[in-house]
Amino acid sequence: MPTEKEQIAERRAEEWRELLRKSVKAKDRIATPRVVMPALDPDIRNKNNEEVNLGLSHEQAGQESVRCLDCVDPTCMNGCPVRIQIPTFIKNIERGEVLEAARVLRETTALPGVCGRVCPQEKQCESQCFYTLKLKKEPVAIGYLERYAADFEREHTLRRPAEKAPLPKGNGIKVAVVGSGPAGLSFAGDMAKYGYDVTVFEALHEIGGVLKYGIPEFRLPNDIVEFEIRKLRELGVKFETNCIVGKTLSYEDLHREGFKGLFIGSGAGLPRFMGIPGENLVGVMSSNEYLTRVNLMGAFSRTSETPVSRGLSVAVIGGGNTAMDSVRTALRLGAKRAMIIYRRGLDEMPARLEEVHHAQEEGVEFLTLHNPIAYKGDEKGRLTSILLQRMELGEPDASGRRSPVPIEGDVVEIDVDEAIVSVGVSPNPLIPKSIQGLTITRHGTIVVSENNQADIPDIFAGGDIVRGGATVILAMGDGRNAAKGMHDYLTRTYMAH
């Protein structure tokens, strides 16, 4: 406990830091250029699995934090699905209070080190920044600063382990979570803070869901995910792997074991294909299979017991982040030619601009306005080429993007020995079919209310099992919303008296 003299000295120091912060005039903040994230050289990184973005230095983080105008109405927060106190954490970085910045982040997000790396801030919080909305300038690099604060906390913790904080006061009520992806982890963290006894059931042998099997380490290193899981364990969250709810355990089994609430965050791991000739050829696979075998089953190593084919001419079908992850992985596995084949133009591509830029730097070819219509193979059933229909953009579709239209008679053939299909995913039907009474859409997603509650009152759901395919941060937002909803429900049901 600090002495009174030390407390007075700290208050004076804080007053001085605040005076320094306020002395930076708004015009000087606005004139400060946005930082550029350092990255590994493209010709080096496309041959290894090291993280591409290197993170901000202390000087860069300080420079970028100065740009935040600490708006009276922080519109940036409107774009954040988990409602991070963005100006508060950034101003702590500006004052040099980086651990306090990390503490502010953890009030609302269970995965700051993850979100700072993979969330599409340019479409969310940064798109609502005052610089973007009013000044038509580059927004504050909120994602970079979130990563900086999270990494600072992680390095500090690993270097100087602190005493474990006391667990939240328990209320004795058990809740179960199906799936350890971003929705499940976010839900588990909030429920643990509320005082619940939380157990997460994961079907695979590793905790993390899509954060582990779906995102390559050059974009999200596993040790970052492991640290976030460690923080959840410190809150009292328990994890069970190799457990398939709906097979290993039923909904009724969970009730018999005393669980009073169930959150379903099982994701969307069922790959879609295009239904064109040749999809059964050797060398054609889904991005789900490809990335899972590489990221989770060690196929990146040539000594792996579950190797994956290493094509020399690889085509990835699709234009989202998963497609970018797949094509960049193919380069790192030795492909001499790696291509993105996408039926719309580059401007319509849904992948993050940073991921597209990194892929271009690394040597990925982009065959836009092309659409596969058939795969061809040899007499042994192995893929040898793809037939591509050239396209042009017509009128906008329901999403506002211009629809691709075939150019009659314009078909080309390209030699490839591997094709990775990344055109979307669907929820695995196992859980929806194993629990009677859930309302399911024709797409296989669970129908929920505004607070993410299903038709069965003690079941809540979120993430891709509800949305059908979305971002990490939207799944986390669902987890937080469901935690609040379930807490309200369980409080009324079991703790009202």
Protein backbone atom coordinates (compact mmCIF):
# COMPACT_ATOMS: atom_id res chain seq x y z
CA MET A 1 0.00 0.00 0.00
CA PRO A 2 1.60 3.37 -1.02
CA THR A 3 2.33 5.82 1.78
CA GLU A 4 0.50 9.14 1.96
CA LYS A 5 3.65 10.88 0.72
CA GLU A 6 3.87 8.51 -2.25
CA GLN A 7 0.19 9.04 -3.04
CA ILE A 8 0.63 12.83 -3.04
CA ALA A 9 3.69 12.50 -5.30
CA GLU A 10 1.75 10.28 -7.70
CA ARG A 11 -1.18 12.73 -7.83
CA ARG A 12 1.20 15.56 -8.63
CA ALA A 13 2.86 13.47 -11.33
CA GLU A 14 -0.52 12.67 -12.83
CA GLU A 15 -1.51 16.35 -12.78
CA TRP A 16 1.74 17.17 -14.58
CA ARG A 17 1.15 14.47 -17.21
CA GLU A 18 -2.39 15.75 -17.75
CA LEU A 19 -1.07 19.31 -18.12
CA LEU A 20 1.42 18.12 -20.74
CA ARG A 21 -1.31 16.28 -22.62
CA LYS A 22 -3.59 19.30 -22.71
CA SER A 23 -0.74 21.55 -23.81
CA VAL A 24 -0.65 19.76 -27.18
CA LYS A 25 -2.90 21.92 -29.31
CA ALA A 26 -5.58 20.35 -31.49
CA LYS A 27 -3.98 21.74 -34.66
CA ASP A 28 -0.70 20.02 -33.76
CA ARG A 29 -2.51 16.74 -33.12
CA ILE A 30 -4.27 16.98 -36.47
CA ALA A 31 -1.01 17.81 -38.25
CA THR A 32 0.69 14.67 -36.89
CA PRO A 33 0.80 11.99 -39.63
CA ARG A 34 -0.62 8.53 -38.99
CA VAL A 35 2.03 5.93 -38.22
CA VAL A 36 2.93 3.19 -40.69
CA MET A 37 3.02 -0.33 -39.27
CA PRO A 38 6.49 -1.88 -39.72
CA ALA A 39 6.43 -5.23 -41.51
CA LEU A 40 8.80 -8.01 -42.54
CA ASP A 41 10.28 -7.77 -46.02
CA PRO A 42 7.90 -9.47 -48.51
CA ASP A 43 10.63 -11.61 -50.07
CA ILE A 44 11.55 -12.95 -46.64
CA ARG A 45 8.14 -13.39 -45.06
CA ASN A 46 6.58 -15.26 -48.01
CA LYS A 47 8.95 -18.13 -47.24
CA ASN A 48 8.33 -18.45 -43.49
CA ASN A 49 5.49 -18.40 -40.99
CA GLU A 50 6.66 -15.43 -38.90
CA GLU A 51 4.22 -12.67 -38.09
CA VAL A 52 4.16 -10.12 -40.90
CA ASN A 53 3.26 -7.00 -38.93
CA LEU A 54 5.95 -6.17 -36.38
CA GLY A 55 3.98 -3.89 -34.06
CA LEU A 56 4.56 -0.27 -33.09
CA SER A 57 7.59 0.92 -31.17
CA HIS A 58 7.04 2.88 -27.94
CA GLU A 59 7.86 6.07 -29.84
CA GLN A 60 5.41 5.27 -32.65
CA ALA A 61 2.63 4.42 -30.18
CA GLY A 62 3.20 7.68 -28.34
CA GLN A 63 3.16 9.63 -31.62
CA GLU A 64 -0.07 7.97 -32.76
CA SER A 65 -1.82 8.36 -29.41
CA VAL A 66 -1.27 12.13 -29.62
CA ARG A 67 -3.46 12.22 -32.73
CA CYS A 68 -6.57 11.22 -30.74
CA LEU A 69 -8.63 14.35 -30.11
CA ASP A 70 -10.47 12.83 -27.13
CA CYS A 71 -13.79 13.86 -28.65
CA VAL A 72 -16.67 14.86 -26.39
CA ASP A 73 -18.83 12.49 -28.44
CA PRO A 74 -16.47 9.60 -29.30
CA THR A 75 -18.14 8.33 -32.46
CA CYS A 76 -15.38 5.74 -32.84
CA MET A 77 -17.05 3.72 -30.07
CA ASN A 78 -20.23 3.48 -32.15
CA GLY A 79 -18.32 1.33 -34.61
CA CYS A 80 -17.02 -1.11 -31.98
CA PRO A 81 -19.21 -4.20 -31.44
CA VAL A 82 -17.82 -4.71 -27.90
CA ARG A 83 -17.92 -0.98 -26.99
CA ILE A 84 -14.28 -0.52 -26.00
CA GLN A 85 -13.63 2.81 -24.24
CA ILE A 86 -11.41 3.87 -27.11
CA PRO A 87 -10.40 7.45 -26.16
CA THR A 88 -9.76 6.36 -22.56
CA PHE A 89 -7.31 3.61 -23.46
CA ILE A 90 -5.56 5.78 -26.05
CA LYS A 91 -5.13 8.69 -23.63
CA ASN A 92 -3.55 6.28 -21.15
CA ILE A 93 -0.99 5.37 -23.81
CA GLU A 94 -0.32 9.06 -24.41
CA ARG A 95 0.37 9.53 -20.69
CA GLY A 96 2.68 6.52 -20.68
CA GLU A 97 0.24 4.46 -18.60
CA VAL A 98 0.23 1.49 -20.96
CA LEU A 99 -0.76 -1.15 -18.40
CA GLU A 100 -3.72 1.02 -17.46
CA ALA A 101 -4.60 1.20 -21.16
CA ALA A 102 -4.58 -2.60 -21.27
CA ARG A 103 -6.76 -2.74 -18.15
CA VAL A 104 -9.30 -0.44 -19.82
CA LEU A 105 -9.33 -2.71 -22.88
CA ARG A 106 -9.95 -5.81 -20.76
CA GLU A 107 -13.00 -4.24 -19.18
CA THR A 108 -14.89 -4.90 -22.40
CA THR A 109 -12.84 -7.30 -24.53
CA ALA A 110 -11.46 -10.70 -23.62
CA LEU A 111 -9.13 -10.76 -26.64
CA PRO A 112 -7.34 -7.40 -27.14
CA GLY A 113 -4.19 -9.00 -28.57
CA VAL A 114 -6.34 -10.81 -31.13
CA CYS A 115 -8.60 -7.91 -32.03
CA GLY A 116 -5.65 -5.56 -32.49
CA ARG A 117 -4.41 -7.90 -35.21
CA VAL A 118 -7.38 -9.31 -37.10
CA CYS A 119 -10.37 -7.00 -36.62
CA PRO A 120 -11.41 -4.86 -39.61
CA GLN A 121 -11.03 -1.55 -37.77
CA GLU A 122 -11.12 0.28 -41.09
CA LYS A 123 -14.78 -0.79 -41.45
CA GLN A 124 -15.69 -0.36 -37.79
CA CYS A 125 -14.19 1.97 -35.16
CA GLU A 126 -11.77 3.75 -37.49
CA SER A 127 -14.50 4.38 -40.04
CA GLN A 128 -16.31 6.36 -37.33
CA CYS A 129 -13.25 8.35 -36.21
CA PHE A 130 -13.59 12.17 -36.28
CA TYR A 131 -10.67 12.33 -38.73
CA THR A 132 -12.57 10.11 -41.17
CA LEU A 133 -16.04 11.60 -40.71
CA LYS A 134 -15.23 15.31 -40.49
CA LEU A 135 -11.67 15.97 -41.62
CA LYS A 136 -11.46 13.42 -44.47
CA LYS A 137 -8.05 12.40 -43.17
CA GLU A 138 -6.59 9.06 -42.15
CA PRO A 139 -8.19 7.93 -38.86
CA VAL A 140 -6.37 7.30 -35.63
CA ALA A 141 -4.76 3.84 -35.85
CA ILE A 142 -6.99 2.38 -33.14
CA GLY A 143 -6.19 -1.23 -34.04
CA TYR A 144 -2.43 -0.64 -33.96
CA LEU A 145 -2.72 1.00 -30.54
CA GLU A 146 -4.91 -1.82 -29.21
CA ARG A 147 -2.30 -4.33 -30.30
CA TYR A 148 0.46 -2.21 -28.77
CA ALA A 149 -1.24 -2.04 -25.36
CA ALA A 150 -2.10 -5.76 -25.38
CA ASP A 151 1.44 -6.75 -26.38
CA PHE A 152 2.93 -4.45 -23.74
CA GLU A 153 0.75 -6.10 -21.10
CA ARG A 154 1.68 -9.58 -22.31
CA GLU A 155 5.42 -8.87 -22.36
CA HIS A 156 5.23 -7.22 -18.94
CA THR A 157 3.31 -10.18 -17.50
CA LEU A 158 5.67 -12.78 -18.94
CA ARG A 159 8.71 -10.83 -17.78
CA ARG A 160 7.44 -9.97 -14.30
CA PRO A 161 4.62 -12.29 -13.27
CA ALA A 162 2.37 -10.55 -10.78
CA GLU A 163 0.39 -12.11 -7.97
CA LYS A 164 -2.81 -13.63 -9.23
CA ALA A 165 -5.77 -11.37 -8.74
CA PRO A 166 -8.60 -12.82 -6.64
CA LEU A 167 -11.29 -14.58 -8.63
CA PRO A 168 -14.64 -12.83 -9.02
CA LYS A 169 -17.04 -13.71 -6.20
CA GLY A 170 -18.85 -16.85 -7.28
CA ASN A 171 -22.60 -17.34 -7.25
CA GLY A 172 -22.51 -21.14 -7.52
CA ILE A 173 -24.37 -21.31 -10.84
CA LYS A 174 -22.81 -23.42 -13.61
CA VAL A 175 -23.00 -22.42 -17.27
CA ALA A 176 -21.68 -24.30 -20.29
CA VAL A 177 -20.17 -22.93 -23.49
CA VAL A 178 -20.03 -24.90 -26.73
CA GLY A 179 -17.02 -23.86 -28.80
CA SER A 180 -13.88 -21.95 -27.86
CA GLY A 181 -13.84 -19.50 -30.73
CA PRO A 182 -14.18 -15.72 -30.30
CA ALA A 183 -17.90 -15.82 -29.43
CA GLY A 184 -17.45 -18.52 -26.81
CA LEU A 185 -14.35 -16.95 -25.26
CA SER A 186 -15.95 -13.51 -25.08
CA PHE A 187 -19.07 -14.96 -23.46
CA ALA A 188 -17.03 -17.03 -21.02
CA GLY A 189 -14.97 -14.04 -19.90
CA ASP A 190 -17.98 -11.87 -19.15
CA MET A 191 -19.86 -14.67 -17.37
CA ALA A 192 -16.82 -15.39 -15.19
CA LYS A 193 -16.72 -11.70 -14.22
CA TYR A 194 -20.39 -11.94 -13.27
CA GLY A 195 -19.43 -14.78 -10.90
CA TYR A 196 -20.60 -17.86 -12.78
CA ASP A 197 -18.86 -21.24 -12.83
CA VAL A 198 -18.01 -21.44 -16.55
CA THR A 199 -16.90 -24.50 -18.51
CA VAL A 200 -16.03 -24.29 -22.22
CA PHE A 201 -16.39 -27.49 -24.26
CA GLU A 202 -14.24 -27.70 -27.40
CA ALA A 203 -14.57 -30.45 -30.01
CA LEU A 204 -10.94 -30.21 -31.17
CA HIS A 205 -7.75 -30.85 -29.22
CA GLU A 206 -6.76 -27.17 -29.06
CA ILE A 207 -8.53 -24.21 -27.47
CA GLY A 208 -9.21 -21.19 -29.67
CA GLY A 209 -11.54 -22.31 -32.44
CA VAL A 210 -11.12 -20.34 -35.65
CA LEU A 211 -8.40 -18.24 -33.98
CA LYS A 212 -6.23 -21.37 -33.98
CA TYR A 213 -7.33 -23.42 -36.97
CA GLY A 214 -8.54 -20.70 -39.33
CA ILE A 215 -6.01 -17.85 -39.06
CA PRO A 216 -2.37 -18.50 -39.95
CA GLU A 217 0.39 -17.65 -37.51
CA PHE A 218 1.86 -15.08 -39.88
CA ARG A 219 -1.26 -13.05 -39.11
CA LEU A 220 -2.12 -14.24 -35.58
CA PRO A 221 0.61 -16.13 -33.67
CA ASN A 222 -0.62 -18.94 -31.45
CA ASP A 223 1.21 -17.60 -28.41
CA ILE A 224 -0.98 -14.48 -28.56
CA VAL A 225 -4.11 -16.66 -28.46
CA GLU A 226 -2.61 -18.77 -25.66
CA PHE A 227 -2.01 -15.68 -23.54
CA GLU A 228 -5.61 -14.57 -23.93
CA ILE A 229 -6.77 -18.05 -22.91
CA ARG A 230 -4.44 -17.88 -19.91
CA LYS A 231 -6.14 -14.64 -18.81
CA LEU A 232 -9.52 -16.39 -19.00
CA ARG A 233 -8.22 -19.31 -16.92
CA GLU A 234 -7.10 -16.76 -14.33
CA LEU A 235 -10.72 -15.58 -14.17
CA GLY A 236 -11.71 -19.16 -13.33
CA VAL A 237 -12.91 -20.33 -16.76
CA LYS A 238 -12.43 -24.09 -17.25
CA PHE A 239 -11.83 -25.80 -20.60
CA GLU A 240 -12.53 -29.33 -21.80
CA THR A 241 -11.15 -30.41 -25.18
CA ASN A 242 -12.05 -33.37 -27.41
CA CYS A 243 -15.66 -33.05 -26.30
CA ILE A 244 -18.41 -32.85 -28.93
CA VAL A 245 -21.63 -31.50 -27.47
CA GLY A 246 -24.35 -33.37 -29.34
CA LYS A 247 -22.26 -36.56 -29.40
CA THR A 248 -19.90 -36.87 -26.40
CA LEU A 249 -22.34 -34.91 -24.25
CA SER A 250 -25.99 -34.18 -24.90
CA TYR A 251 -28.01 -31.16 -23.84
CA GLU A 252 -29.72 -33.44 -21.31
CA ASP A 253 -26.33 -34.61 -19.97
CA LEU A 254 -25.36 -30.98 -19.31
CA HIS A 255 -28.57 -30.49 -17.33
CA ARG A 256 -27.87 -33.64 -15.31
CA GLU A 257 -24.42 -32.26 -14.52
CA GLY A 258 -26.00 -29.14 -13.07
CA PHE A 259 -25.54 -26.59 -15.83
CA LYS A 260 -28.26 -23.95 -15.74
CA GLY A 261 -27.41 -22.15 -18.98
CA LEU A 262 -25.89 -23.07 -22.34
CA PHE A 263 -24.21 -20.76 -24.84
CA ILE A 264 -23.75 -22.15 -28.35
CA GLY A 265 -20.80 -20.64 -30.18
CA SER A 266 -19.92 -23.59 -32.38
CA GLY A 267 -19.17 -21.48 -35.45
CA ALA A 268 -19.62 -22.37 -39.08
CA GLY A 269 -17.17 -25.08 -40.01
CA LEU A 270 -19.05 -26.72 -42.86
CA PRO A 271 -17.40 -25.68 -46.15
CA ARG A 272 -19.35 -24.76 -49.26
CA PHE A 273 -18.40 -25.79 -52.77
CA MET A 274 -19.60 -24.41 -56.08
CA GLY A 275 -21.17 -27.59 -57.48
CA ILE A 276 -19.14 -27.53 -60.71
CA PRO A 277 -17.62 -30.52 -62.56
CA GLY A 278 -14.37 -31.93 -61.21
CA GLU A 279 -14.69 -30.95 -57.56
CA ASN A 280 -13.92 -34.55 -56.53
CA LEU A 281 -10.49 -34.49 -58.21
CA VAL A 282 -7.39 -34.98 -56.08
CA GLY A 283 -6.00 -31.50 -55.48
CA VAL A 284 -9.32 -29.73 -54.93
CA MET A 285 -10.09 -28.96 -51.27
CA SER A 286 -11.84 -26.43 -49.07
CA SER A 287 -10.00 -23.62 -47.35
CA ASN A 288 -11.33 -25.04 -44.05
CA GLU A 289 -9.54 -28.33 -44.56
CA TYR A 290 -6.41 -26.68 -45.93
CA LEU A 291 -5.97 -24.13 -43.15
CA THR A 292 -6.96 -26.54 -40.37
CA ARG A 293 -4.40 -29.10 -41.49
CA VAL A 294 -1.69 -26.47 -41.77
CA ASN A 295 -2.49 -24.39 -38.67
CA LEU A 296 -3.74 -26.99 -36.22
CA MET A 297 -2.33 -30.32 -37.40
CA GLY A 298 1.25 -29.34 -38.15
CA ALA A 299 1.09 -29.80 -41.92
CA PHE A 300 3.43 -26.82 -42.32
CA SER A 301 6.20 -29.23 -41.30
CA ARG A 302 7.38 -31.73 -43.90
CA THR A 303 7.60 -34.35 -41.12
CA SER A 304 3.94 -33.92 -40.18
CA GLU A 305 1.89 -37.09 -39.67
CA THR A 306 -1.00 -35.33 -41.43
CA PRO A 307 0.72 -33.68 -44.41
CA VAL A 308 -1.06 -31.48 -46.90
CA SER A 309 -0.33 -31.41 -50.61
CA ARG A 310 2.09 -28.67 -51.65
CA GLY A 311 0.98 -27.46 -55.04
CA LEU A 312 3.40 -25.63 -57.31
CA SER A 313 0.62 -23.81 -59.18
CA VAL A 314 -2.17 -23.00 -56.73
CA ALA A 315 -5.49 -21.29 -57.35
CA VAL A 316 -7.61 -20.03 -54.47
CA ILE A 317 -11.25 -19.38 -55.31
CA GLY A 318 -12.74 -16.45 -53.39
CA GLY A 319 -12.03 -12.90 -52.28
CA GLY A 320 -12.40 -12.84 -48.50
CA ASN A 321 -9.87 -12.90 -45.69
CA THR A 322 -9.89 -16.71 -45.61
CA ALA A 323 -8.99 -16.76 -49.30
CA MET A 324 -6.08 -14.37 -48.60
CA ASP A 325 -4.93 -16.56 -45.72
CA SER A 326 -5.05 -19.62 -47.97
CA VAL A 327 -3.18 -18.17 -50.93
CA ARG A 328 -0.49 -16.65 -48.73
CA THR A 329 -0.13 -19.99 -46.95
CA ALA A 330 0.33 -21.71 -50.33
CA LEU A 331 3.25 -19.37 -51.07
CA ARG A 332 4.85 -20.27 -47.75
CA LEU A 333 4.43 -23.96 -48.56
CA GLY A 334 6.49 -23.54 -51.71
CA ALA A 335 4.05 -22.62 -54.50
CA LYS A 336 5.82 -21.08 -57.50
CA ARG A 337 2.57 -19.50 -58.68
CA ALA A 338 -0.26 -18.59 -56.30
CA MET A 339 -3.44 -16.99 -57.64
CA ILE A 340 -6.65 -15.49 -56.30
CA ILE A 341 -9.56 -16.15 -58.64
CA TYR A 342 -12.48 -13.85 -57.92
CA ARG A 343 -15.61 -13.23 -59.93
CA ARG A 344 -15.83 -9.51 -59.14
CA GLY A 345 -13.28 -6.72 -59.35
CA LEU A 346 -10.57 -5.78 -56.87
CA ASP A 347 -12.68 -2.91 -55.49
CA GLU A 348 -15.52 -5.30 -54.64
CA MET A 349 -13.26 -7.78 -52.83
CA PRO A 350 -14.45 -8.23 -49.20
CA ALA A 351 -11.01 -9.01 -47.77
CA ARG A 352 -9.28 -6.40 -45.63
CA LEU A 353 -7.26 -3.92 -47.70
CA GLU A 354 -4.19 -4.68 -45.60
CA GLU A 355 -4.43 -8.39 -46.39
CA VAL A 356 -4.84 -7.72 -50.11
CA HIS A 357 -1.88 -5.34 -50.02
CA HIS A 358 0.29 -7.87 -48.19
CA ALA A 359 -0.67 -10.60 -50.65
CA GLN A 360 0.23 -8.38 -53.61
CA GLU A 361 3.58 -7.53 -52.02
CA GLU A 362 4.32 -11.22 -51.53
CA GLY A 363 3.76 -12.06 -55.18
CA VAL A 364 0.17 -13.33 -55.29
CA GLU A 365 -1.54 -12.93 -58.68
CA PHE A 366 -5.10 -11.59 -58.78
CA LEU A 367 -7.34 -12.92 -61.54
CA THR A 368 -10.38 -10.77 -60.93
CA LEU A 369 -13.53 -10.96 -63.06
CA HIS A 370 -12.95 -14.68 -63.53
CA ASN A 371 -15.20 -17.49 -62.29
CA PRO A 372 -14.44 -21.24 -62.30
CA ILE A 373 -16.86 -23.36 -64.30
CA ALA A 374 -15.03 -26.72 -64.25
CA TYR A 375 -11.91 -28.51 -63.02
CA LYS A 376 -10.01 -30.89 -65.31
CA GLY A 377 -7.83 -33.83 -64.32
CA ASP A 378 -5.57 -36.55 -65.66
CA GLU A 379 -6.26 -40.26 -65.98
CA LYS A 380 -5.30 -40.80 -62.34
CA GLY A 381 -7.92 -38.34 -61.13
CA ARG A 382 -5.52 -35.56 -60.22
CA LEU A 383 -6.24 -31.90 -60.90
CA THR A 384 -4.43 -30.43 -63.90
CA SER A 385 -6.32 -27.25 -64.88
CA ILE A 386 -9.29 -24.94 -64.29
CA LEU A 387 -11.72 -23.57 -66.85
CA LEU A 388 -12.50 -19.94 -66.09
CA GLN A 389 -15.40 -17.88 -67.37
CA ARG A 390 -14.50 -14.22 -67.87
CA MET A 391 -16.95 -11.84 -66.22
CA GLU A 392 -17.98 -8.20 -66.33
CA LEU A 393 -19.78 -6.14 -63.72
CA GLY A 394 -23.46 -5.48 -64.20
CA GLU A 395 -26.04 -3.88 -61.93
CA PRO A 396 -25.62 -3.83 -58.12
CA ASP A 397 -27.09 -6.77 -56.20
CA ALA A 398 -28.99 -6.65 -52.88
CA SER A 399 -25.75 -6.01 -50.96
CA GLY A 400 -24.95 -2.98 -53.11
CA ARG A 401 -22.07 -4.63 -54.94
CA ARG A 402 -22.22 -4.82 -58.71
CA SER A 403 -23.22 -8.29 -59.87
CA PRO A 404 -20.80 -10.25 -62.07
CA VAL A 405 -22.17 -11.21 -65.48
CA PRO A 406 -20.57 -13.83 -67.79
CA ILE A 407 -19.07 -12.62 -71.07
CA GLU A 408 -20.54 -15.06 -73.54
CA GLY A 409 -18.00 -17.35 -75.21
CA ASP A 410 -15.01 -15.96 -73.25
CA VAL A 411 -13.53 -18.96 -71.42
CA VAL A 412 -9.86 -19.54 -70.56
CA GLU A 413 -8.02 -22.57 -69.21
CA ILE A 414 -5.22 -22.28 -66.63
CA ASP A 415 -2.86 -25.07 -65.56
CA VAL A 416 -2.94 -25.70 -61.80
CA ASP A 417 -2.18 -28.66 -59.59
CA GLU A 418 -4.06 -27.45 -56.53
CA ALA A 419 -7.32 -25.53 -56.05
CA ILE A 420 -8.51 -24.26 -52.68
CA VAL A 421 -12.18 -23.29 -52.52
CA SER A 422 -13.01 -20.38 -50.24
CA VAL A 423 -16.52 -19.31 -51.17
CA GLY A 424 -18.19 -19.41 -47.77
CA VAL A 425 -19.15 -21.70 -44.92
CA SER A 426 -22.30 -23.03 -43.26
CA PRO A 427 -22.98 -24.00 -39.66
CA ASN A 428 -22.37 -27.62 -38.72
CA PRO A 429 -25.86 -29.12 -38.26
CA LEU A 430 -24.83 -31.38 -35.35
CA ILE A 431 -25.89 -29.16 -32.44
CA PRO A 432 -29.04 -27.67 -34.00
CA LYS A 433 -30.25 -31.19 -34.85
CA SER A 434 -29.34 -32.65 -31.45
CA ILE A 435 -31.45 -30.19 -29.43
CA GLN A 436 -35.17 -30.43 -29.99
CA GLY A 437 -37.09 -27.15 -29.96
CA LEU A 438 -34.53 -24.80 -31.46
CA THR A 439 -35.78 -22.71 -34.36
CA ILE A 440 -33.38 -23.04 -37.28
CA THR A 441 -33.28 -21.01 -40.49
CA ARG A 442 -33.09 -22.61 -43.92
CA HIS A 443 -29.38 -21.77 -43.85
CA GLY A 444 -28.89 -23.86 -40.71
CA THR A 445 -28.37 -20.93 -38.33
CA ILE A 446 -30.02 -20.66 -34.91
CA VAL A 447 -32.72 -18.01 -34.55
CA VAL A 448 -32.18 -15.76 -31.52
CA SER A 449 -33.77 -12.67 -29.99
CA GLU A 450 -32.14 -9.26 -29.53
CA ASN A 451 -30.31 -10.52 -26.44
CA ASN A 452 -29.13 -13.64 -28.30
CA GLN A 453 -31.60 -15.93 -26.51
CA ALA A 454 -32.93 -18.95 -28.41
CA ASP A 455 -36.49 -20.31 -28.23
CA ILE A 456 -35.38 -22.58 -25.38
CA PRO A 457 -35.00 -20.07 -22.52
CA ASP A 458 -31.74 -21.37 -21.03
CA ILE A 459 -29.98 -21.50 -24.41
CA PHE A 460 -28.23 -18.51 -25.93
CA ALA A 461 -26.16 -18.45 -29.13
CA GLY A 462 -23.88 -16.15 -31.09
CA GLY A 463 -21.19 -15.87 -33.70
CA ASP A 464 -21.28 -17.79 -36.96
CA ILE A 465 -23.86 -20.31 -35.71
CA VAL A 466 -26.24 -17.32 -35.72
CA ARG A 467 -24.74 -15.10 -38.42
CA GLY A 468 -23.58 -17.79 -40.83
CA GLY A 469 -20.15 -16.23 -41.31
CA ALA A 470 -18.80 -12.99 -39.88
CA THR A 471 -15.78 -11.33 -38.31
CA VAL A 472 -14.05 -12.14 -35.03
CA ILE A 473 -15.20 -8.90 -33.43
CA LEU A 474 -18.87 -9.38 -34.41
CA ALA A 475 -18.73 -12.84 -32.85
CA MET A 476 -17.23 -11.32 -29.71
CA GLY A 477 -19.98 -8.71 -29.65
CA ASP A 478 -22.54 -11.53 -29.77
CA GLY A 479 -20.76 -13.24 -26.88
CA ARG A 480 -20.89 -10.12 -24.72
CA ASN A 481 -24.54 -9.47 -25.59
CA ALA A 482 -25.47 -13.08 -24.82
CA ALA A 483 -23.61 -12.95 -21.50
CA LYS A 484 -25.65 -9.95 -20.41
CA GLY A 485 -28.83 -11.62 -21.60
CA MET A 486 -28.11 -14.90 -19.84
CA HIS A 487 -27.07 -13.11 -16.65
CA ASP A 488 -30.39 -11.26 -16.63
CA TYR A 489 -32.28 -14.51 -17.30
CA LEU A 490 -30.46 -16.53 -14.62
CA THR A 491 -30.78 -13.70 -12.11
CA ARG A 492 -34.55 -13.64 -12.60
CA THR A 493 -34.79 -17.43 -12.53
CA TYR A 494 -32.42 -18.45 -9.73
CA MET A 495 -31.39 -15.39 -7.77
CA ALA A 496 -34.52 -13.22 -7.64
CA HIS A 497 -35.21 -14.35 -4.10
